[in-house]
Amino acid sequence: MTTDVHSKQIEQFLTFELANEVYGVEILKVQEIRGWEAVRVIPNAPSFIKGVLNLRGSVIPIVDLRERFSLEHCEYTHKTVVIVLCVKHHRTDTFVMGIVADAVSDVLDIKRSEIKKAPNFGSQLDTRYMRGMHVYKQNMIMLLDVDKLLNPDEVDDMDAISDSVSADSEDFL
């Protein structure tokens, strides 16, 4: 019985690097981790949407968090990965998307009481995707709420892109 109480107080996060900073996402949202591979570019997509990948017959959009967060651009290397996430959309639906990260770091067990509230920067800075912060070995880890990385309109656009590529490109799958 104490194990159930203990497990509800601790969450696991996959940590990854992005522009020399460490970020984390709930491990339960991670479907898989893949090495970087070329994507099919989608014309007129926002710059942070790198394109789409064929994942075992499903077309998944790939988001570059460096561009999404307005960080400096860097070339993809052999350490670059795509973290495939299952994201909640419109409270009940889910969809799969990938995020590009410089490298995967670790899986951490974090007590809920050790997750600090995300700072409030006012209305000038969009922080809806920030779940909180955690200090680990004197480093700040930004914990992301993957369900809020995109606003609802962007999610609808990504769904439309995936559907369009699936319908138009039988050979892609």
C-alpha atoms as a PDB file:
ATOM      1  CA  MET A   1       0.000   0.000   0.000  1.00  0.00           C
ATOM      2  CA  THR A   2       2.814   2.432   0.744  1.00  0.00           C
ATOM      3  CA  THR A   3       4.215   1.740  -2.711  1.00  0.00           C
ATOM      4  CA  ASP A   4       1.063   3.190  -4.317  1.00  0.00           C
ATOM      5  CA  VAL A   5       1.297   6.359  -2.229  1.00  0.00           C
ATOM      6  CA  HIS A   6       5.029   6.586  -2.942  1.00  0.00           C
ATOM      7  CA  SER A   7       4.598   6.117  -6.699  1.00  0.00           C
ATOM      8  CA  LYS A   8       1.967   8.884  -6.897  1.00  0.00           C
ATOM      9  CA  GLN A   9       4.420  11.323  -5.330  1.00  0.00           C
ATOM     10  CA  ILE A  10       7.213  10.607  -7.817  1.00  0.00           C
ATOM     11  CA  GLU A  11       7.134  11.119 -11.570  1.00  0.00           C
ATOM     12  CA  GLN A  12       9.654  10.042 -14.160  1.00  0.00           C
ATOM     13  CA  PHE A  13      10.972  12.480 -16.744  1.00  0.00           C
ATOM     14  CA  LEU A  14      13.072  11.901 -19.827  1.00  0.00           C
ATOM     15  CA  THR A  15      15.653  14.677 -19.935  1.00  0.00           C
ATOM     16  CA  PHE A  16      17.257  15.983 -23.102  1.00  0.00           C
ATOM     17  CA  GLU A  17      19.549  18.758 -24.226  1.00  0.00           C
ATOM     18  CA  LEU A  18      18.628  21.707 -26.342  1.00  0.00           C
ATOM     19  CA  ALA A  19      21.050  24.616 -26.907  1.00  0.00           C
ATOM     20  CA  ASN A  20      23.181  23.567 -23.907  1.00  0.00           C
ATOM     21  CA  GLU A  21      20.170  23.587 -21.585  1.00  0.00           C
ATOM     22  CA  VAL A  22      18.357  20.604 -20.084  1.00  0.00           C
ATOM     23  CA  TYR A  23      14.642  20.002 -20.562  1.00  0.00           C
ATOM     24  CA  GLY A  24      12.367  17.206 -19.389  1.00  0.00           C
ATOM     25  CA  VAL A  25       9.143  15.548 -20.527  1.00  0.00           C
ATOM     26  CA  GLU A  26       6.994  13.019 -18.703  1.00  0.00           C
ATOM     27  CA  ILE A  27       8.258   9.564 -19.574  1.00  0.00           C
ATOM     28  CA  LEU A  28       4.670   8.322 -19.918  1.00  0.00           C
ATOM     29  CA  LYS A  29       4.220  10.659 -22.912  1.00  0.00           C
ATOM     30  CA  VAL A  30       7.272   9.230 -24.717  1.00  0.00           C
ATOM     31  CA  GLN A  31       6.473   6.602 -27.324  1.00  0.00           C
ATOM     32  CA  GLU A  32      10.021   6.104 -28.595  1.00  0.00           C
ATOM     33  CA  ILE A  33      13.359   7.789 -29.252  1.00  0.00           C
ATOM     34  CA  ARG A  34      14.821   7.706 -32.769  1.00  0.00           C
ATOM     35  CA  GLY A  35      18.020   8.919 -34.313  1.00  0.00           C
ATOM     36  CA  TRP A  36      17.669  11.883 -36.663  1.00  0.00           C
ATOM     37  CA  GLU A  37      16.738  11.048 -40.225  1.00  0.00           C
ATOM     38  CA  ALA A  38      15.692  13.242 -43.110  1.00  0.00           C
ATOM     39  CA  VAL A  39      12.040  14.272 -43.101  1.00  0.00           C
ATOM     40  CA  ARG A  40       9.663  15.048 -45.919  1.00  0.00           C
ATOM     41  CA  VAL A  41       9.462  18.833 -45.999  1.00  0.00           C
ATOM     42  CA  ILE A  42       5.962  20.303 -46.114  1.00  0.00           C
ATOM     43  CA  PRO A  43       5.643  23.506 -48.191  1.00  0.00           C
ATOM     44  CA  ASN A  44       4.211  26.561 -46.391  1.00  0.00           C
ATOM     45  CA  ALA A  45       4.424  24.910 -42.948  1.00  0.00           C
ATOM     46  CA  PRO A  46       5.610  27.073 -40.045  1.00  0.00           C
ATOM     47  CA  SER A  47       9.417  27.080 -39.762  1.00  0.00           C
ATOM     48  CA  PHE A  48       9.379  25.071 -36.521  1.00  0.00           C
ATOM     49  CA  ILE A  49       7.647  22.174 -38.301  1.00  0.00           C
ATOM     50  CA  LYS A  50      10.570  20.451 -39.989  1.00  0.00           C
ATOM     51  CA  GLY A  51       8.350  18.059 -41.932  1.00  0.00           C
ATOM     52  CA  VAL A  52       6.877  14.607 -41.460  1.00  0.00           C
ATOM     53  CA  LEU A  53       8.222  11.088 -40.919  1.00  0.00           C
ATOM     54  CA  ASN A  54       6.769   7.704 -41.723  1.00  0.00           C
ATOM     55  CA  LEU A  55       6.530   5.837 -38.434  1.00  0.00           C
ATOM     56  CA  ARG A  56       5.389   2.285 -39.176  1.00  0.00           C
ATOM     57  CA  GLY A  57       2.716   3.480 -41.606  1.00  0.00           C
ATOM     58  CA  SER A  58       1.679   6.603 -39.705  1.00  0.00           C
ATOM     59  CA  VAL A  59       2.692  10.073 -40.789  1.00  0.00           C
ATOM     60  CA  ILE A  60       3.939  12.092 -37.838  1.00  0.00           C
ATOM     61  CA  PRO A  61       4.863  15.781 -37.816  1.00  0.00           C
ATOM     62  CA  ILE A  62       8.323  16.730 -36.519  1.00  0.00           C
ATOM     63  CA  VAL A  63       8.742  19.928 -34.467  1.00  0.00           C
ATOM     64  CA  ASP A  64      12.138  21.547 -33.896  1.00  0.00           C
ATOM     65  CA  LEU A  65      11.991  22.925 -30.351  1.00  0.00           C
ATOM     66  CA  ARG A  66      14.982  25.181 -31.031  1.00  0.00           C
ATOM     67  CA  GLU A  67      12.890  27.064 -33.558  1.00  0.00           C
ATOM     68  CA  ARG A  68       9.714  26.776 -31.519  1.00  0.00           C
ATOM     69  CA  PHE A  69      11.488  28.397 -28.557  1.00  0.00           C
ATOM     70  CA  SER A  70      13.386  30.924 -30.742  1.00  0.00           C
ATOM     71  CA  LEU A  71      16.786  29.467 -29.821  1.00  0.00           C
ATOM     72  CA  GLU A  72      19.884  29.584 -32.003  1.00  0.00           C
ATOM     73  CA  HIS A  73      19.928  27.213 -34.949  1.00  0.00           C
ATOM     74  CA  CYS A  74      22.452  24.378 -35.131  1.00  0.00           C
ATOM     75  CA  GLU A  75      23.173  21.619 -37.596  1.00  0.00           C
ATOM     76  CA  TYR A  76      21.811  18.181 -36.812  1.00  0.00           C
ATOM     77  CA  THR A  77      24.517  15.692 -35.795  1.00  0.00           C
ATOM     78  CA  HIS A  78      24.813  11.977 -35.015  1.00  0.00           C
ATOM     79  CA  LYS A  79      23.613  12.846 -31.467  1.00  0.00           C
ATOM     80  CA  THR A  80      20.456  14.587 -32.693  1.00  0.00           C
ATOM     81  CA  VAL A  81      17.334  12.617 -31.844  1.00  0.00           C
ATOM     82  CA  VAL A  82      13.622  12.702 -32.422  1.00  0.00           C
ATOM     83  CA  ILE A  83      11.571  12.046 -29.305  1.00  0.00           C
ATOM     84  CA  VAL A  84       8.221  10.646 -30.392  1.00  0.00           C
ATOM     85  CA  LEU A  85       5.445  11.814 -28.067  1.00  0.00           C
ATOM     86  CA  CYS A  86       1.797  10.957 -27.597  1.00  0.00           C
ATOM     87  CA  VAL A  87       0.121  14.310 -27.022  1.00  0.00           C
ATOM     88  CA  LYS A  88      -3.368  15.039 -25.729  1.00  0.00           C
ATOM     89  CA  HIS A  89      -5.463  17.253 -27.980  1.00  0.00           C
ATOM     90  CA  HIS A  90      -8.870  18.808 -27.277  1.00  0.00           C
ATOM     91  CA  ARG A  91      -9.110  17.039 -23.898  1.00  0.00           C
ATOM     92  CA  THR A  92      -9.904  13.586 -25.322  1.00  0.00           C
ATOM     93  CA  ASP A  93      -8.109  13.043 -28.621  1.00  0.00           C
ATOM     94  CA  THR A  94      -4.439  12.180 -28.822  1.00  0.00           C
ATOM     95  CA  PHE A  95      -1.992  12.443 -31.654  1.00  0.00           C
ATOM     96  CA  VAL A  96       1.622  11.501 -32.169  1.00  0.00           C
ATOM     97  CA  MET A  97       4.348  14.011 -32.975  1.00  0.00           C
ATOM     98  CA  GLY A  98       8.112  14.117 -32.789  1.00  0.00           C
ATOM     99  CA  ILE A  99      10.319  16.764 -31.240  1.00  0.00           C
ATOM    100  CA  VAL A 100      13.927  17.306 -32.285  1.00  0.00           C
ATOM    101  CA  ALA A 101      16.476  17.409 -29.450  1.00  0.00           C
ATOM    102  CA  ASP A 102      20.257  17.814 -29.510  1.00  0.00           C
ATOM    103  CA  ALA A 103      20.726  14.697 -27.363  1.00  0.00           C
ATOM    104  CA  VAL A 104      18.912  12.560 -24.809  1.00  0.00           C
ATOM    105  CA  SER A 105      20.330  12.774 -21.285  1.00  0.00           C
ATOM    106  CA  ASP A 106      18.695  10.609 -18.643  1.00  0.00           C
ATOM    107  CA  VAL A 107      15.503   9.431 -16.976  1.00  0.00           C
ATOM    108  CA  LEU A 108      14.975  11.096 -13.601  1.00  0.00           C
ATOM    109  CA  ASP A 109      12.655  10.225 -10.726  1.00  0.00           C
ATOM    110  CA  ILE A 110      11.381  13.569  -9.439  1.00  0.00           C
ATOM    111  CA  LYS A 111       9.248  14.088  -6.361  1.00  0.00           C
ATOM    112  CA  ARG A 112       6.241  16.262  -7.137  1.00  0.00           C
ATOM    113  CA  SER A 113       7.136  18.420  -4.139  1.00  0.00           C
ATOM    114  CA  GLU A 114      10.496  19.194  -5.801  1.00  0.00           C
ATOM    115  CA  ILE A 115       8.907  20.599  -8.962  1.00  0.00           C
ATOM    116  CA  LYS A 116       8.967  24.373  -8.671  1.00  0.00           C
ATOM    117  CA  LYS A 117       6.244  26.423 -10.274  1.00  0.00           C
ATOM    118  CA  ALA A 118       7.138  27.902 -13.652  1.00  0.00           C
ATOM    119  CA  PRO A 119       8.106  31.560 -13.361  1.00  0.00           C
ATOM    120  CA  ASN A 120       5.584  34.185 -14.405  1.00  0.00           C
ATOM    121  CA  PHE A 121       7.022  36.471 -17.074  1.00  0.00           C
ATOM    122  CA  GLY A 122       3.802  38.376 -17.675  1.00  0.00           C
ATOM    123  CA  SER A 123       1.947  38.495 -20.956  1.00  0.00           C
ATOM    124  CA  GLN A 124       5.033  39.283 -23.066  1.00  0.00           C
ATOM    125  CA  LEU A 125       6.424  35.743 -22.895  1.00  0.00           C
ATOM    126  CA  ASP A 126       4.427  32.605 -23.682  1.00  0.00           C
ATOM    127  CA  THR A 127       5.104  30.060 -20.925  1.00  0.00           C
ATOM    128  CA  ARG A 128       2.016  27.859 -21.218  1.00  0.00           C
ATOM    129  CA  TYR A 129       4.199  24.882 -22.205  1.00  0.00           C
ATOM    130  CA  MET A 130       6.279  25.154 -18.994  1.00  0.00           C
ATOM    131  CA  ARG A 131       5.104  22.716 -16.361  1.00  0.00           C
ATOM    132  CA  GLY A 132       7.755  23.732 -13.858  1.00  0.00           C
ATOM    133  CA  MET A 133      11.430  23.727 -12.959  1.00  0.00           C
ATOM    134  CA  HIS A 134      13.577  21.205 -11.117  1.00  0.00           C
ATOM    135  CA  VAL A 135      17.084  21.591  -9.725  1.00  0.00           C
ATOM    136  CA  TYR A 136      19.275  18.549 -10.324  1.00  0.00           C
ATOM    137  CA  LYS A 137      23.002  18.539  -9.532  1.00  0.00           C
ATOM    138  CA  GLN A 138      23.025  22.349  -9.490  1.00  0.00           C
ATOM    139  CA  ASN A 139      21.407  22.540 -12.940  1.00  0.00           C
ATOM    140  CA  MET A 140      17.955  23.883 -13.695  1.00  0.00           C
ATOM    141  CA  ILE A 141      15.788  21.524 -15.724  1.00  0.00           C
ATOM    142  CA  MET A 142      12.772  23.015 -17.462  1.00  0.00           C
ATOM    143  CA  LEU A 143       9.956  20.483 -17.309  1.00  0.00           C
ATOM    144  CA  LEU A 144       7.664  20.782 -20.314  1.00  0.00           C
ATOM    145  CA  ASP A 145       3.950  20.119 -20.581  1.00  0.00           C
ATOM    146  CA  VAL A 146       3.955  18.413 -23.980  1.00  0.00           C
ATOM    147  CA  ASP A 147       0.184  18.781 -24.289  1.00  0.00           C
ATOM    148  CA  LYS A 148       0.729  22.555 -24.446  1.00  0.00           C
ATOM    149  CA  LEU A 149       3.765  22.786 -26.754  1.00  0.00           C
ATOM    150  CA  LEU A 150       1.402  23.761 -29.550  1.00  0.00           C
ATOM    151  CA  ASN A 151      -1.739  25.848 -29.373  1.00  0.00           C
ATOM    152  CA  PRO A 152      -4.981  24.172 -30.539  1.00  0.00           C
ATOM    153  CA  ASP A 153      -4.894  25.829 -33.982  1.00  0.00           C
ATOM    154  CA  GLU A 154      -1.349  24.572 -34.583  1.00  0.00           C
ATOM    155  CA  VAL A 155      -2.404  21.064 -33.568  1.00  0.00           C
ATOM    156  CA  ASP A 156      -5.297  21.194 -36.029  1.00  0.00           C
ATOM    157  CA  ASP A 157      -2.880  22.391 -38.731  1.00  0.00           C
ATOM    158  CA  MET A 158      -0.501  19.505 -37.965  1.00  0.00           C
ATOM    159  CA  ASP A 159      -3.360  17.009 -38.120  1.00  0.00           C
ATOM    160  CA  ALA A 160      -4.334  18.437 -41.516  1.00  0.00           C
ATOM    161  CA  ILE A 161      -0.717  18.207 -42.742  1.00  0.00           C
ATOM    162  CA  SER A 162      -0.469  14.568 -41.656  1.00  0.00           C
ATOM    163  CA  ASP A 163      -3.812  13.716 -43.258  1.00  0.00           C
ATOM    164  CA  SER A 164      -2.850  15.515 -46.471  1.00  0.00           C
ATOM    165  CA  VAL A 165       0.487  13.707 -46.783  1.00  0.00           C
ATOM    166  CA  SER A 166      -1.176  10.350 -46.005  1.00  0.00           C
ATOM    167  CA  ALA A 167      -3.850  10.886 -48.649  1.00  0.00           C
ATOM    168  CA  ASP A 168      -1.520  12.259 -51.329  1.00  0.00           C
ATOM    169  CA  SER A 169       1.429   9.949 -50.901  1.00  0.00           C
ATOM    170  CA  GLU A 170       0.731   6.267 -50.872  1.00  0.00           C
ATOM    171  CA  ASP A 171       4.374   5.668 -51.788  1.00  0.00           C
ATOM    172  CA  PHE A 172       5.541   7.703 -48.784  1.00  0.00           C
ATOM    173  CA  LEU A 173       3.985   5.154 -46.463  1.00  0.00           C
END
